[in-house]
Amino acid sequence: MTTEWIELNDLQAVAIAQSRGWEIEGRIAGNWSLWDGDSWTDALIFRARPKQPKVEIVKSLCWRNKLTGNLYWNNSEDLIEYGWQRFPAGDLEGEVTEGGK
């Protein structure tokens, strides 16, 4: 999926992008803002791109087994099993698509 914005030069291009469910922005006073979907004017510059998946940042906490050195990740501070210790240097943070925790 492309993340590149495509310039929309006329009302027909805006309508096509809207019918495809694309994200559409208009430039007003030099700033891009989400198009309200209700109005069009040739005085504004419009751009669109395929709708992007929503992402969120998640953090996986790292645990280290004292005896084996094996590492384990989860999203809880409450791993109290014998032999495991928190290993913050191994924590991972990254983007996942919405609902992908």
Protein backbone atom coordinates (compact mmCIF):
# COMPACT_ATOMS: atom_id res chain seq x y z
CA MET A 1 0.00 0.00 0.00
CA THR A 2 1.30 3.40 -0.91
CA THR A 3 1.71 6.18 1.62
CA GLU A 4 2.39 8.76 -1.08
CA TRP A 5 -0.09 11.60 -1.47
CA ILE A 6 -1.59 12.16 -4.93
CA GLU A 7 -2.60 15.68 -5.96
CA LEU A 8 -6.28 16.01 -6.89
CA ASN A 9 -6.68 18.65 -9.58
CA ASP A 10 -10.45 18.78 -10.03
CA LEU A 11 -13.81 17.88 -8.53
CA GLN A 12 -13.93 14.55 -10.39
CA ALA A 13 -10.60 13.47 -8.88
CA VAL A 14 -11.84 14.37 -5.39
CA ALA A 15 -15.06 12.42 -5.99
CA ILE A 16 -13.17 9.35 -7.21
CA ALA A 17 -10.85 9.42 -4.19
CA GLN A 18 -13.84 9.81 -1.87
CA SER A 19 -15.69 6.89 -3.51
CA ARG A 20 -12.61 4.70 -2.93
CA GLY A 21 -12.56 5.59 0.77
CA TRP A 22 -9.21 7.37 0.53
CA GLU A 23 -7.91 9.91 3.02
CA ILE A 24 -8.37 13.39 1.54
CA GLU A 25 -6.77 16.61 2.74
CA GLY A 26 -7.16 20.21 1.66
CA ARG A 27 -4.54 22.92 1.99
CA ILE A 28 -5.83 26.03 3.69
CA ALA A 29 -3.51 28.95 4.42
CA GLY A 30 -0.48 26.73 3.76
CA ASN A 31 -1.56 23.96 6.17
CA TRP A 32 -2.94 20.55 5.25
CA SER A 33 -6.04 19.45 7.13
CA LEU A 34 -8.46 16.55 6.83
CA TRP A 35 -11.22 17.30 4.32
CA ASP A 36 -14.70 17.46 5.86
CA GLY A 37 -16.20 15.61 2.87
CA ASP A 38 -18.95 18.18 2.34
CA SER A 39 -17.48 20.96 0.25
CA TRP A 40 -15.16 21.56 -2.67
CA THR A 41 -13.67 24.71 -4.11
CA ASP A 42 -11.16 25.25 -6.86
CA ALA A 43 -9.41 27.79 -4.60
CA LEU A 44 -8.04 24.94 -2.45
CA ILE A 45 -5.46 22.33 -3.28
CA PHE A 46 -6.53 18.76 -2.49
CA ARG A 47 -4.51 15.59 -2.11
CA ALA A 48 -5.39 11.98 -1.31
CA ARG A 49 -3.92 8.57 -0.58
CA PRO A 50 -5.32 5.12 0.15
CA LYS A 51 -6.61 4.91 3.71
CA GLN A 52 -3.74 4.01 6.02
CA PRO A 53 -4.12 1.40 8.74
CA LYS A 54 -4.32 2.85 12.23
CA VAL A 55 -1.27 2.02 14.32
CA GLU A 56 -0.45 2.23 17.98
CA ILE A 57 2.81 2.01 19.91
CA VAL A 58 3.15 -1.00 22.22
CA LYS A 59 5.89 -1.99 24.62
CA SER A 60 6.92 -5.57 25.35
CA LEU A 61 8.73 -6.02 28.65
CA CYS A 62 11.75 -8.31 28.70
CA TRP A 63 12.41 -10.96 31.33
CA ARG A 64 15.64 -12.98 31.70
CA ASN A 65 15.93 -16.46 33.15
CA LYS A 66 18.70 -16.33 35.78
CA LEU A 67 19.83 -19.92 35.14
CA THR A 68 19.64 -20.25 31.36
CA GLY A 69 19.87 -16.65 30.14
CA ASN A 70 16.78 -17.21 27.99
CA LEU A 71 14.74 -14.09 27.32
CA TYR A 72 10.94 -13.80 27.39
CA TRP A 73 8.72 -10.83 26.48
CA ASN A 74 5.22 -9.94 27.66
CA ASN A 75 3.22 -6.83 28.53
CA SER A 76 3.09 -7.24 32.29
CA GLU A 77 5.33 -6.28 35.21
CA ASP A 78 3.87 -9.20 37.17
CA LEU A 79 6.00 -12.19 36.11
CA ILE A 80 6.86 -13.58 39.55
CA GLU A 81 7.84 -17.10 38.51
CA TYR A 82 10.96 -18.34 40.23
CA GLY A 83 14.16 -17.77 38.29
CA TRP A 84 13.01 -14.84 36.15
CA GLN A 85 14.16 -11.26 36.55
CA ARG A 86 13.19 -8.06 34.74
CA PHE A 87 15.68 -7.12 32.02
CA PRO A 88 14.71 -3.55 31.00
CA ALA A 89 17.57 -3.24 28.50
CA GLY A 90 15.77 -5.87 26.39
CA ASP A 91 12.41 -4.12 26.31
CA LEU A 92 11.00 -3.64 22.81
CA GLU A 93 8.77 -0.83 21.59
CA GLY A 94 7.14 -0.64 18.19
CA GLU A 95 4.09 -0.01 16.06
CA VAL A 96 1.29 -2.53 15.57
CA THR A 97 -1.90 -2.16 13.59
CA GLU A 98 -4.90 -1.20 15.70
CA GLY A 99 -6.21 -4.13 17.73
CA GLY A 100 -2.97 -6.09 17.24
CA LYS A 101 -1.79 -6.07 20.86
